[in-house]
Amino acid sequence: MTGIWAAALMPFTEDLAIDEDGFRENVRHWTEDLGIEGIFVSGKQGEFFSMSVEERKRSFELAVEACRGRGRTIMSCSDQNLDVVLDLARHAEQVGADYIVVHAPVLHFATERDETVLGYYRTIAEHVDIGIALWSHPDSGYLMSPELCNRLADLETVVAIKYSVPRDLYAELTDLAADRIQVSTASEVEWLDNVLDLDWRLYLCSSPPFLLQTAADRRMHEYTQAAFEGRVDEARAISASLEPVREALRTTRPPEKPHAHQKYWQELLGQVGGRVRSPLLELTDDEKRVTREAFDQCGLRL
């Protein structure tokens, strides 16, 4: 489980159905044209919170089909209901997914948090036979400590963690557990330093791998390969050259509209973006204009 993995946005049609053909084409482009090695399916970027359980299962099936022979998959089975988590995890296993990822649960009235979370993941590991990635993010209302994550790394089928925390925490966990699990975070701007300073080999994962790149301009892939091969100065130069693209994405994204903004950016790239589902908000025409102008000037080669 190495290389660049991307968190898929789920395209929806005008009537808000899953755009199955659009999703297939996006996955083909990401894996074949961009060299992305794995796809993270139906996470927060994929709007799992607006999808039914059956739709989430269908997204797993589509991803396995689209990635076959091209790349690998990790299916987000996060839910507050443990029965739903297990149902999704079993389905992911049955349809041929490579891994699952499960978000740390929101806890209510918890006084023994570490023991509660340890028991939660242990239960999942006991009920399915598939590699599991942990996921800790402030959305849970807390962050799993490096010490807790280190204990979880002892579970036989826990293979990785998407650790959306400050750098000092994920660096500490890397020191503690890198002999047993892959530690990663979703920040592309920190990725190169983490490869060079922490010897990371997995980017797990967010949308920049398919928003910062085109078939003719694979600079994230290029600086990653240069870093993996020890060509440090070259890697830093290539990464620095992407700063105008990062800036265009960052400065034009309206507050509370990350999904709609990224989908519109996809469309500017020639990918399938589509609509967002409620409660997410769509871009206004003026927001699209500002984004398009920045896109045209950011220097991505199409």
C-alpha atoms as a PDB file:
ATOM      1  CA  MET A   1       0.000   0.000   0.000  1.00  0.00           C
ATOM      2  CA  THR A   2       2.284   2.739  -1.327  1.00  0.00           C
ATOM      3  CA  GLY A   3       2.323   5.682  -3.698  1.00  0.00           C
ATOM      4  CA  ILE A   4      -0.325   8.316  -4.330  1.00  0.00           C
ATOM      5  CA  TRP A   5      -3.930   7.451  -3.485  1.00  0.00           C
ATOM      6  CA  ALA A   6      -6.719   9.928  -4.262  1.00  0.00           C
ATOM      7  CA  ALA A   7     -10.063  10.540  -2.558  1.00  0.00           C
ATOM      8  CA  ALA A   8     -12.736  10.312  -5.240  1.00  0.00           C
ATOM      9  CA  LEU A   9     -15.412  12.939  -5.642  1.00  0.00           C
ATOM     10  CA  MET A  10     -18.707  11.330  -6.634  1.00  0.00           C
ATOM     11  CA  PRO A  11     -20.273  12.916  -9.722  1.00  0.00           C
ATOM     12  CA  PHE A  12     -24.052  13.381  -9.606  1.00  0.00           C
ATOM     13  CA  THR A  13     -26.256  14.080 -12.608  1.00  0.00           C
ATOM     14  CA  GLU A  14     -28.646  17.011 -12.929  1.00  0.00           C
ATOM     15  CA  ASP A  15     -31.354  14.928 -11.233  1.00  0.00           C
ATOM     16  CA  LEU A  16     -28.843  14.006  -8.470  1.00  0.00           C
ATOM     17  CA  ALA A  17     -28.419  10.343  -9.405  1.00  0.00           C
ATOM     18  CA  ILE A  18     -24.953   8.786  -9.317  1.00  0.00           C
ATOM     19  CA  ASP A  19     -23.314   9.392 -12.688  1.00  0.00           C
ATOM     20  CA  GLU A  20     -21.956   5.868 -13.147  1.00  0.00           C
ATOM     21  CA  ASP A  21     -20.428   6.458 -16.571  1.00  0.00           C
ATOM     22  CA  GLY A  22     -18.869   9.709 -15.397  1.00  0.00           C
ATOM     23  CA  PHE A  23     -17.368   8.011 -12.359  1.00  0.00           C
ATOM     24  CA  ARG A  24     -15.922   5.218 -14.507  1.00  0.00           C
ATOM     25  CA  GLU A  25     -14.340   7.727 -16.873  1.00  0.00           C
ATOM     26  CA  ASN A  26     -12.850   9.729 -13.993  1.00  0.00           C
ATOM     27  CA  VAL A  27     -11.312   6.592 -12.472  1.00  0.00           C
ATOM     28  CA  ARG A  28      -9.892   5.574 -15.850  1.00  0.00           C
ATOM     29  CA  HIS A  29      -8.315   9.015 -16.254  1.00  0.00           C
ATOM     30  CA  TRP A  30      -6.914   9.073 -12.722  1.00  0.00           C
ATOM     31  CA  THR A  31      -5.340   5.637 -12.883  1.00  0.00           C
ATOM     32  CA  GLU A  32      -4.248   5.479 -16.541  1.00  0.00           C
ATOM     33  CA  ASP A  33      -3.460   9.090 -17.437  1.00  0.00           C
ATOM     34  CA  LEU A  34      -2.314  10.396 -14.042  1.00  0.00           C
ATOM     35  CA  GLY A  35      -0.731   7.247 -12.615  1.00  0.00           C
ATOM     36  CA  ILE A  36      -2.688   7.379  -9.361  1.00  0.00           C
ATOM     37  CA  GLU A  37      -2.170   4.051  -7.609  1.00  0.00           C
ATOM     38  CA  GLY A  38      -5.295   3.786  -5.471  1.00  0.00           C
ATOM     39  CA  ILE A  39      -8.765   5.291  -5.114  1.00  0.00           C
ATOM     40  CA  PHE A  40     -10.443   6.158  -1.796  1.00  0.00           C
ATOM     41  CA  VAL A  41     -14.178   5.657  -2.390  1.00  0.00           C
ATOM     42  CA  SER A  42     -17.238   7.195  -0.697  1.00  0.00           C
ATOM     43  CA  GLY A  43     -15.435   9.200   1.923  1.00  0.00           C
ATOM     44  CA  LYS A  44     -16.288  12.747   2.902  1.00  0.00           C
ATOM     45  CA  GLN A  45     -15.045  13.987  -0.475  1.00  0.00           C
ATOM     46  CA  GLY A  46     -17.385  11.442  -2.053  1.00  0.00           C
ATOM     47  CA  GLU A  47     -20.398  12.790  -0.101  1.00  0.00           C
ATOM     48  CA  PHE A  48     -21.114   9.492   1.641  1.00  0.00           C
ATOM     49  CA  PHE A  49     -23.259  11.409   4.140  1.00  0.00           C
ATOM     50  CA  SER A  50     -25.817  12.128   1.410  1.00  0.00           C
ATOM     51  CA  MET A  51     -25.908   8.574   0.043  1.00  0.00           C
ATOM     52  CA  SER A  52     -28.016   5.602   1.036  1.00  0.00           C
ATOM     53  CA  VAL A  53     -26.309   2.386   2.151  1.00  0.00           C
ATOM     54  CA  GLU A  54     -27.273   0.794  -1.169  1.00  0.00           C
ATOM     55  CA  GLU A  55     -25.740   3.701  -3.093  1.00  0.00           C
ATOM     56  CA  ARG A  56     -22.544   3.383  -1.086  1.00  0.00           C
ATOM     57  CA  LYS A  57     -22.418  -0.331  -1.899  1.00  0.00           C
ATOM     58  CA  ARG A  58     -22.972   0.476  -5.563  1.00  0.00           C
ATOM     59  CA  SER A  59     -20.086   2.948  -5.466  1.00  0.00           C
ATOM     60  CA  PHE A  60     -17.841   0.135  -4.189  1.00  0.00           C
ATOM     61  CA  GLU A  61     -18.895  -2.074  -7.091  1.00  0.00           C
ATOM     62  CA  LEU A  62     -18.273   0.692  -9.623  1.00  0.00           C
ATOM     63  CA  ALA A  63     -14.829   1.430  -8.208  1.00  0.00           C
ATOM     64  CA  VAL A  64     -13.692  -2.199  -8.222  1.00  0.00           C
ATOM     65  CA  GLU A  65     -14.921  -2.567 -11.791  1.00  0.00           C
ATOM     66  CA  ALA A  66     -13.262   0.661 -12.940  1.00  0.00           C
ATOM     67  CA  CYS A  67      -9.951  -0.029 -11.167  1.00  0.00           C
ATOM     68  CA  ARG A  68      -9.570  -3.635 -12.239  1.00  0.00           C
ATOM     69  CA  GLY A  69      -6.157  -3.993 -13.853  1.00  0.00           C
ATOM     70  CA  ARG A  70      -5.407  -0.300 -13.304  1.00  0.00           C
ATOM     71  CA  GLY A  71      -5.270   0.517  -9.604  1.00  0.00           C
ATOM     72  CA  ARG A  72      -6.423  -0.494  -6.167  1.00  0.00           C
ATOM     73  CA  THR A  73      -9.298   0.560  -3.938  1.00  0.00           C
ATOM     74  CA  ILE A  74      -9.991   1.499  -0.348  1.00  0.00           C
ATOM     75  CA  MET A  75     -13.664   1.796   0.596  1.00  0.00           C
ATOM     76  CA  SER A  76     -14.885   4.176   3.273  1.00  0.00           C
ATOM     77  CA  CYS A  77     -17.219   2.250   5.581  1.00  0.00           C
ATOM     78  CA  SER A  78     -17.554   5.017   8.160  1.00  0.00           C
ATOM     79  CA  ASP A  79     -20.897   5.338   9.929  1.00  0.00           C
ATOM     80  CA  GLN A  80     -22.171   5.977  13.448  1.00  0.00           C
ATOM     81  CA  ASN A  81     -24.056   2.669  13.360  1.00  0.00           C
ATOM     82  CA  LEU A  82     -21.645  -0.230  13.781  1.00  0.00           C
ATOM     83  CA  ASP A  83     -24.014  -2.615  11.981  1.00  0.00           C
ATOM     84  CA  VAL A  84     -23.840  -0.362   8.911  1.00  0.00           C
ATOM     85  CA  VAL A  85     -20.034  -0.257   9.147  1.00  0.00           C
ATOM     86  CA  LEU A  86     -19.888  -4.052   9.212  1.00  0.00           C
ATOM     87  CA  ASP A  87     -22.449  -4.409   6.419  1.00  0.00           C
ATOM     88  CA  LEU A  88     -20.447  -2.069   4.204  1.00  0.00           C
ATOM     89  CA  ALA A  89     -17.165  -3.737   5.143  1.00  0.00           C
ATOM     90  CA  ARG A  90     -18.479  -7.193   4.265  1.00  0.00           C
ATOM     91  CA  HIS A  91     -19.775  -5.887   0.948  1.00  0.00           C
ATOM     92  CA  ALA A  92     -16.423  -4.268   0.181  1.00  0.00           C
ATOM     93  CA  GLU A  93     -14.714  -7.566   0.864  1.00  0.00           C
ATOM     94  CA  GLN A  94     -17.202  -9.530  -1.229  1.00  0.00           C
ATOM     95  CA  VAL A  95     -16.900  -7.325  -4.321  1.00  0.00           C
ATOM     96  CA  GLY A  96     -13.104  -7.399  -4.306  1.00  0.00           C
ATOM     97  CA  ALA A  97     -11.977  -4.188  -2.620  1.00  0.00           C
ATOM     98  CA  ASP A  98      -8.377  -4.145  -1.450  1.00  0.00           C
ATOM     99  CA  TYR A  99      -8.913  -2.289   1.835  1.00  0.00           C
ATOM    100  CA  ILE A 100     -11.495  -0.469   3.930  1.00  0.00           C
ATOM    101  CA  VAL A 101     -11.144   2.730   5.942  1.00  0.00           C
ATOM    102  CA  VAL A 102     -13.238   3.533   9.005  1.00  0.00           C
ATOM    103  CA  HIS A 103     -13.461   6.951  10.630  1.00  0.00           C
ATOM    104  CA  ALA A 104     -13.113   7.143  14.401  1.00  0.00           C
ATOM    105  CA  PRO A 105     -16.680   7.314  15.794  1.00  0.00           C
ATOM    106  CA  VAL A 106     -18.287  10.366  17.338  1.00  0.00           C
ATOM    107  CA  LEU A 107     -18.587   9.523  21.040  1.00  0.00           C
ATOM    108  CA  HIS A 108     -21.230  10.661  23.505  1.00  0.00           C
ATOM    109  CA  PHE A 109     -20.733  10.754  27.297  1.00  0.00           C
ATOM    110  CA  ALA A 110     -17.431   8.905  26.887  1.00  0.00           C
ATOM    111  CA  THR A 111     -15.125   8.747  29.897  1.00  0.00           C
ATOM    112  CA  GLU A 112     -12.921   5.836  28.799  1.00  0.00           C
ATOM    113  CA  ARG A 113     -12.365   7.071  25.266  1.00  0.00           C
ATOM    114  CA  ASP A 114      -9.235   5.128  24.400  1.00  0.00           C
ATOM    115  CA  GLU A 115     -10.683   1.819  25.580  1.00  0.00           C
ATOM    116  CA  THR A 116     -13.941   2.570  23.754  1.00  0.00           C
ATOM    117  CA  VAL A 117     -12.185   3.308  20.462  1.00  0.00           C
ATOM    118  CA  LEU A 118      -9.873   0.327  20.861  1.00  0.00           C
ATOM    119  CA  GLY A 119     -12.878  -1.935  21.375  1.00  0.00           C
ATOM    120  CA  TYR A 120     -14.641  -0.375  18.384  1.00  0.00           C
ATOM    121  CA  TYR A 121     -11.842  -1.135  15.938  1.00  0.00           C
ATOM    122  CA  ARG A 122     -11.158  -4.529  17.503  1.00  0.00           C
ATOM    123  CA  THR A 123     -14.786  -5.500  16.869  1.00  0.00           C
ATOM    124  CA  ILE A 124     -14.511  -4.496  13.206  1.00  0.00           C
ATOM    125  CA  ALA A 125     -11.271  -6.444  12.811  1.00  0.00           C
ATOM    126  CA  GLU A 126     -12.871  -9.532  14.336  1.00  0.00           C
ATOM    127  CA  HIS A 127     -15.829  -9.490  11.940  1.00  0.00           C
ATOM    128  CA  VAL A 128     -14.173  -8.922   8.556  1.00  0.00           C
ATOM    129  CA  ASP A 129     -11.108 -10.321   6.848  1.00  0.00           C
ATOM    130  CA  ILE A 130      -9.812  -7.297   4.954  1.00  0.00           C
ATOM    131  CA  GLY A 131      -7.065  -4.760   5.580  1.00  0.00           C
ATOM    132  CA  ILE A 132      -8.282  -1.798   7.638  1.00  0.00           C
ATOM    133  CA  ALA A 133      -7.101   1.809   7.622  1.00  0.00           C
ATOM    134  CA  LEU A 134      -7.876   3.953  10.645  1.00  0.00           C
ATOM    135  CA  TRP A 135      -8.960   7.553  10.205  1.00  0.00           C
ATOM    136  CA  SER A 136      -8.705  10.243  12.852  1.00  0.00           C
ATOM    137  CA  HIS A 137     -10.019  13.731  12.103  1.00  0.00           C
ATOM    138  CA  PRO A 138     -11.354  16.643  14.206  1.00  0.00           C
ATOM    139  CA  ASP A 139     -14.859  15.907  12.849  1.00  0.00           C
ATOM    140  CA  SER A 140     -15.089  13.129  15.438  1.00  0.00           C
ATOM    141  CA  GLY A 141     -14.917  15.750  18.178  1.00  0.00           C
ATOM    142  CA  TYR A 142     -11.499  14.483  19.321  1.00  0.00           C
ATOM    143  CA  LEU A 143      -8.210  13.230  17.917  1.00  0.00           C
ATOM    144  CA  MET A 144      -6.894   9.763  18.606  1.00  0.00           C
ATOM    145  CA  SER A 145      -3.572  10.109  20.394  1.00  0.00           C
ATOM    146  CA  PRO A 146      -0.381   8.636  18.939  1.00  0.00           C
ATOM    147  CA  GLU A 147      -0.314   6.249  21.904  1.00  0.00           C
ATOM    148  CA  LEU A 148      -3.820   4.950  21.124  1.00  0.00           C
ATOM    149  CA  CYS A 149      -2.997   4.617  17.417  1.00  0.00           C
ATOM    150  CA  ASN A 150       0.126   2.693  18.343  1.00  0.00           C
ATOM    151  CA  ARG A 151      -1.995   0.217  20.317  1.00  0.00           C
ATOM    152  CA  LEU A 152      -4.406  -0.088  17.385  1.00  0.00           C
ATOM    153  CA  ALA A 153      -1.476  -0.811  15.072  1.00  0.00           C
ATOM    154  CA  ASP A 154      -1.060  -4.106  16.919  1.00  0.00           C
ATOM    155  CA  LEU A 155      -4.359  -5.362  15.471  1.00  0.00           C
ATOM    156  CA  GLU A 156      -3.348  -7.830  12.785  1.00  0.00           C
ATOM    157  CA  THR A 157      -5.448  -6.428   9.949  1.00  0.00           C
ATOM    158  CA  VAL A 158      -4.841  -2.721  10.646  1.00  0.00           C
ATOM    159  CA  VAL A 159      -2.474  -1.650   7.866  1.00  0.00           C
ATOM    160  CA  ALA A 160      -2.590   2.164   7.703  1.00  0.00           C
ATOM    161  CA  ILE A 161      -3.981   5.372   9.161  1.00  0.00           C
ATOM    162  CA  LYS A 162      -5.176   8.566   7.569  1.00  0.00           C
ATOM    163  CA  TYR A 163      -4.103  10.824  10.420  1.00  0.00           C
ATOM    164  CA  SER A 164      -5.572  14.306   9.878  1.00  0.00           C
ATOM    165  CA  VAL A 165      -3.725  15.941  12.751  1.00  0.00           C
ATOM    166  CA  PRO A 166      -0.914  18.462  13.344  1.00  0.00           C
ATOM    167  CA  ARG A 167       2.535  17.409  12.163  1.00  0.00           C
ATOM    168  CA  ASP A 168       3.996  16.813  15.614  1.00  0.00           C
ATOM    169  CA  LEU A 169       1.353  14.157  16.274  1.00  0.00           C
ATOM    170  CA  TYR A 170       1.777  12.238  13.025  1.00  0.00           C
ATOM    171  CA  ALA A 171       5.564  12.455  13.307  1.00  0.00           C
ATOM    172  CA  GLU A 172       5.325  10.945  16.787  1.00  0.00           C
ATOM    173  CA  LEU A 173       3.084   8.145  15.521  1.00  0.00           C
ATOM    174  CA  THR A 174       5.510   7.466  12.685  1.00  0.00           C
ATOM    175  CA  ASP A 175       8.273   6.942  15.234  1.00  0.00           C
ATOM    176  CA  LEU A 176       6.041   4.620  17.256  1.00  0.00           C
ATOM    177  CA  ALA A 177       4.296   2.528  14.609  1.00  0.00           C
ATOM    178  CA  ALA A 178       5.887   2.800  11.165  1.00  0.00           C
ATOM    179  CA  ASP A 179       7.219  -0.746  11.579  1.00  0.00           C
ATOM    180  CA  ARG A 180       3.622  -2.036  11.544  1.00  0.00           C
ATOM    181  CA  ILE A 181       1.401   0.439   9.644  1.00  0.00           C
ATOM    182  CA  GLN A 182       1.627   3.097   6.972  1.00  0.00           C
ATOM    183  CA  VAL A 183       1.097   6.556   8.487  1.00  0.00           C
ATOM    184  CA  SER A 184      -0.263   9.271   6.197  1.00  0.00           C
ATOM    185  CA  THR A 185      -2.120  12.562   6.184  1.00  0.00           C
ATOM    186  CA  ALA A 186      -4.224  14.257   3.539  1.00  0.00           C
ATOM    187  CA  SER A 187      -2.178  17.449   3.045  1.00  0.00           C
ATOM    188  CA  GLU A 188      -0.479  17.659  -0.345  1.00  0.00           C
ATOM    189  CA  VAL A 189       1.595  20.668   0.734  1.00  0.00           C
ATOM    190  CA  GLU A 190       3.157  18.527   3.489  1.00  0.00           C
ATOM    191  CA  TRP A 191       3.583  15.383   1.375  1.00  0.00           C
ATOM    192  CA  LEU A 192       7.061  16.074   0.020  1.00  0.00           C
ATOM    193  CA  ASP A 193       8.521  16.968   3.410  1.00  0.00           C
ATOM    194  CA  ASN A 194       6.961  13.833   4.866  1.00  0.00           C
ATOM    195  CA  VAL A 195       8.575  11.664   2.198  1.00  0.00           C
ATOM    196  CA  LEU A 196      11.960  13.278   2.746  1.00  0.00           C
ATOM    197  CA  ASP A 197      11.905  13.738   6.532  1.00  0.00           C
ATOM    198  CA  LEU A 198       9.740  10.839   7.729  1.00  0.00           C
ATOM    199  CA  ASP A 199      10.391   8.331   4.922  1.00  0.00           C
ATOM    200  CA  TRP A 200       6.687   8.096   4.115  1.00  0.00           C
ATOM    201  CA  ARG A 201       5.679   6.036   1.094  1.00  0.00           C
ATOM    202  CA  LEU A 202       1.872   6.460   1.116  1.00  0.00           C
ATOM    203  CA  TYR A 203      -0.259   9.500   0.319  1.00  0.00           C
ATOM    204  CA  LEU A 204      -3.724   8.702   1.726  1.00  0.00           C
ATOM    205  CA  CYS A 205      -5.448  10.786   0.486  1.00  0.00           C
ATOM    206  CA  SER A 206      -7.383  13.740  -0.872  1.00  0.00           C
ATOM    207  CA  SER A 207      -8.341  15.310  -4.189  1.00  0.00           C
ATOM    208  CA  PRO A 208      -5.149  17.225  -5.208  1.00  0.00           C
ATOM    209  CA  PRO A 209      -3.726  14.221  -7.106  1.00  0.00           C
ATOM    210  CA  PHE A 210      -6.411  14.734  -9.785  1.00  0.00           C
ATOM    211  CA  LEU A 211      -6.931  18.496  -9.328  1.00  0.00           C
ATOM    212  CA  LEU A 212      -3.271  19.542  -9.604  1.00  0.00           C
ATOM    213  CA  GLN A 213      -2.472  17.285 -12.554  1.00  0.00           C
ATOM    214  CA  THR A 214      -3.407  16.554 -16.144  1.00  0.00           C
ATOM    215  CA  ALA A 215      -2.335  13.856 -18.585  1.00  0.00           C
ATOM    216  CA  ALA A 216       0.165  16.363 -19.981  1.00  0.00           C
ATOM    217  CA  ASP A 217       1.269  17.780 -16.607  1.00  0.00           C
ATOM    218  CA  ARG A 218       1.921  15.197 -13.884  1.00  0.00           C
ATOM    219  CA  ARG A 219       4.090  17.259 -11.573  1.00  0.00           C
ATOM    220  CA  MET A 220       2.806  15.732  -8.314  1.00  0.00           C
ATOM    221  CA  HIS A 221       3.656  12.296  -9.673  1.00  0.00           C
ATOM    222  CA  GLU A 222       7.032  13.556 -10.883  1.00  0.00           C
ATOM    223  CA  TYR A 223       8.132  15.187  -7.636  1.00  0.00           C
ATOM    224  CA  THR A 224       6.964  12.132  -5.689  1.00  0.00           C
ATOM    225  CA  GLN A 225       9.037   9.781  -7.839  1.00  0.00           C
ATOM    226  CA  ALA A 226      12.042  12.085  -7.600  1.00  0.00           C
ATOM    227  CA  ALA A 227      11.733  12.121  -3.806  1.00  0.00           C
ATOM    228  CA  PHE A 228      11.334   8.344  -3.615  1.00  0.00           C
ATOM    229  CA  GLU A 229      14.529   7.998  -5.672  1.00  0.00           C
ATOM    230  CA  GLY A 230      16.521  10.475  -3.573  1.00  0.00           C
ATOM    231  CA  ARG A 231      16.651  13.292  -6.130  1.00  0.00           C
ATOM    232  CA  VAL A 232      15.840  15.854  -3.457  1.00  0.00           C
ATOM    233  CA  ASP A 233      16.659  19.136  -5.207  1.00  0.00           C
ATOM    234  CA  GLU A 234      14.732  18.086  -8.303  1.00  0.00           C
ATOM    235  CA  ALA A 235      11.744  17.046  -6.204  1.00  0.00           C
ATOM    236  CA  ARG A 236      11.705  20.379  -4.373  1.00  0.00           C
ATOM    237  CA  ALA A 237      11.938  22.354  -7.606  1.00  0.00           C
ATOM    238  CA  ILE A 238       9.072  20.474  -9.247  1.00  0.00           C
ATOM    239  CA  SER A 239       6.897  20.805  -6.149  1.00  0.00           C
ATOM    240  CA  ALA A 240       7.613  24.536  -5.889  1.00  0.00           C
ATOM    241  CA  SER A 241       6.540  24.997  -9.505  1.00  0.00           C
ATOM    242  CA  LEU A 242       3.035  23.846  -8.533  1.00  0.00           C
ATOM    243  CA  GLU A 243       2.524  26.712  -6.096  1.00  0.00           C
ATOM    244  CA  PRO A 244       0.553  28.876  -8.582  1.00  0.00           C
ATOM    245  CA  VAL A 245      -1.867  25.964  -9.095  1.00  0.00           C
ATOM    246  CA  ARG A 246      -2.222  25.423  -5.344  1.00  0.00           C
ATOM    247  CA  GLU A 247      -2.791  29.139  -4.876  1.00  0.00           C
ATOM    248  CA  ALA A 248      -5.493  29.258  -7.555  1.00  0.00           C
ATOM    249  CA  LEU A 249      -7.344  26.369  -5.917  1.00  0.00           C
ATOM    250  CA  ARG A 250      -6.945  27.737  -2.411  1.00  0.00           C
ATOM    251  CA  THR A 251      -7.870  31.355  -3.007  1.00  0.00           C
ATOM    252  CA  THR A 252     -10.939  30.774  -5.168  1.00  0.00           C
ATOM    253  CA  ARG A 253     -12.613  28.151  -2.970  1.00  0.00           C
ATOM    254  CA  PRO A 254     -15.624  29.751  -1.256  1.00  0.00           C
ATOM    255  CA  PRO A 255     -16.171  28.955   2.427  1.00  0.00           C
ATOM    256  CA  GLU A 256     -18.468  25.948   2.923  1.00  0.00           C
ATOM    257  CA  LYS A 257     -18.355  24.996  -0.770  1.00  0.00           C
ATOM    258  CA  PRO A 258     -15.305  22.712  -1.146  1.00  0.00           C
ATOM    259  CA  HIS A 259     -17.175  19.949  -2.982  1.00  0.00           C
ATOM    260  CA  ALA A 260     -18.883  22.192  -5.522  1.00  0.00           C
ATOM    261  CA  HIS A 261     -15.649  24.107  -6.095  1.00  0.00           C
ATOM    262  CA  GLN A 262     -13.598  20.977  -6.668  1.00  0.00           C
ATOM    263  CA  LYS A 263     -16.228  19.546  -9.003  1.00  0.00           C
ATOM    264  CA  TYR A 264     -16.220  22.730 -11.057  1.00  0.00           C
ATOM    265  CA  TRP A 265     -12.402  22.597 -11.183  1.00  0.00           C
ATOM    266  CA  GLN A 266     -12.723  19.014 -12.435  1.00  0.00           C
ATOM    267  CA  GLU A 267     -14.947  20.211 -15.255  1.00  0.00           C
ATOM    268  CA  LEU A 268     -12.381  22.859 -16.205  1.00  0.00           C
ATOM    269  CA  LEU A 269      -9.852  20.014 -16.393  1.00  0.00           C
ATOM    270  CA  GLY A 270     -12.142  17.982 -18.659  1.00  0.00           C
ATOM    271  CA  GLN A 271     -13.173  15.528 -15.956  1.00  0.00           C
ATOM    272  CA  VAL A 272     -16.763  14.788 -14.905  1.00  0.00           C
ATOM    273  CA  GLY A 273     -17.747  17.001 -11.975  1.00  0.00           C
ATOM    274  CA  GLY A 274     -21.494  17.207 -11.733  1.00  0.00           C
ATOM    275  CA  ARG A 275     -23.753  18.498  -9.011  1.00  0.00           C
ATOM    276  CA  VAL A 276     -23.530  18.247  -5.245  1.00  0.00           C
ATOM    277  CA  ARG A 277     -26.289  16.904  -3.028  1.00  0.00           C
ATOM    278  CA  SER A 278     -28.008  18.683  -0.150  1.00  0.00           C
ATOM    279  CA  PRO A 279     -26.990  19.978   2.336  1.00  0.00           C
ATOM    280  CA  LEU A 280     -23.998  21.076   0.251  1.00  0.00           C
ATOM    281  CA  LEU A 281     -24.174  24.345  -1.658  1.00  0.00           C
ATOM    282  CA  GLU A 282     -23.558  24.921  -5.369  1.00  0.00           C
ATOM    283  CA  LEU A 283     -21.283  27.647  -6.734  1.00  0.00           C
ATOM    284  CA  THR A 284     -22.790  30.900  -7.938  1.00  0.00           C
ATOM    285  CA  ASP A 285     -22.083  32.122 -11.462  1.00  0.00           C
ATOM    286  CA  ASP A 286     -19.748  34.767 -10.046  1.00  0.00           C
ATOM    287  CA  GLU A 287     -17.818  32.159  -8.036  1.00  0.00           C
ATOM    288  CA  LYS A 288     -17.441  30.088 -11.185  1.00  0.00           C
ATOM    289  CA  ARG A 289     -16.155  33.112 -13.106  1.00  0.00           C
ATOM    290  CA  VAL A 290     -13.505  33.885 -10.492  1.00  0.00           C
ATOM    291  CA  THR A 291     -12.442  30.239 -10.398  1.00  0.00           C
ATOM    292  CA  ARG A 292     -12.259  29.964 -14.172  1.00  0.00           C
ATOM    293  CA  GLU A 293     -10.096  33.086 -14.445  1.00  0.00           C
ATOM    294  CA  ALA A 294      -7.654  31.753 -11.835  1.00  0.00           C
ATOM    295  CA  PHE A 295      -7.618  28.350 -13.504  1.00  0.00           C
ATOM    296  CA  ASP A 296      -6.745  29.890 -16.866  1.00  0.00           C
ATOM    297  CA  GLN A 297      -3.777  31.695 -15.336  1.00  0.00           C
ATOM    298  CA  CYS A 298      -2.378  29.013 -12.994  1.00  0.00           C
ATOM    299  CA  GLY A 299      -0.067  27.350 -15.502  1.00  0.00           C
ATOM    300  CA  LEU A 300      -1.474  23.821 -15.665  1.00  0.00           C
ATOM    301  CA  ARG A 301      -0.768  22.286 -19.060  1.00  0.00           C
ATOM    302  CA  LEU A 302      -3.892  20.755 -20.575  1.00  0.00           C
END
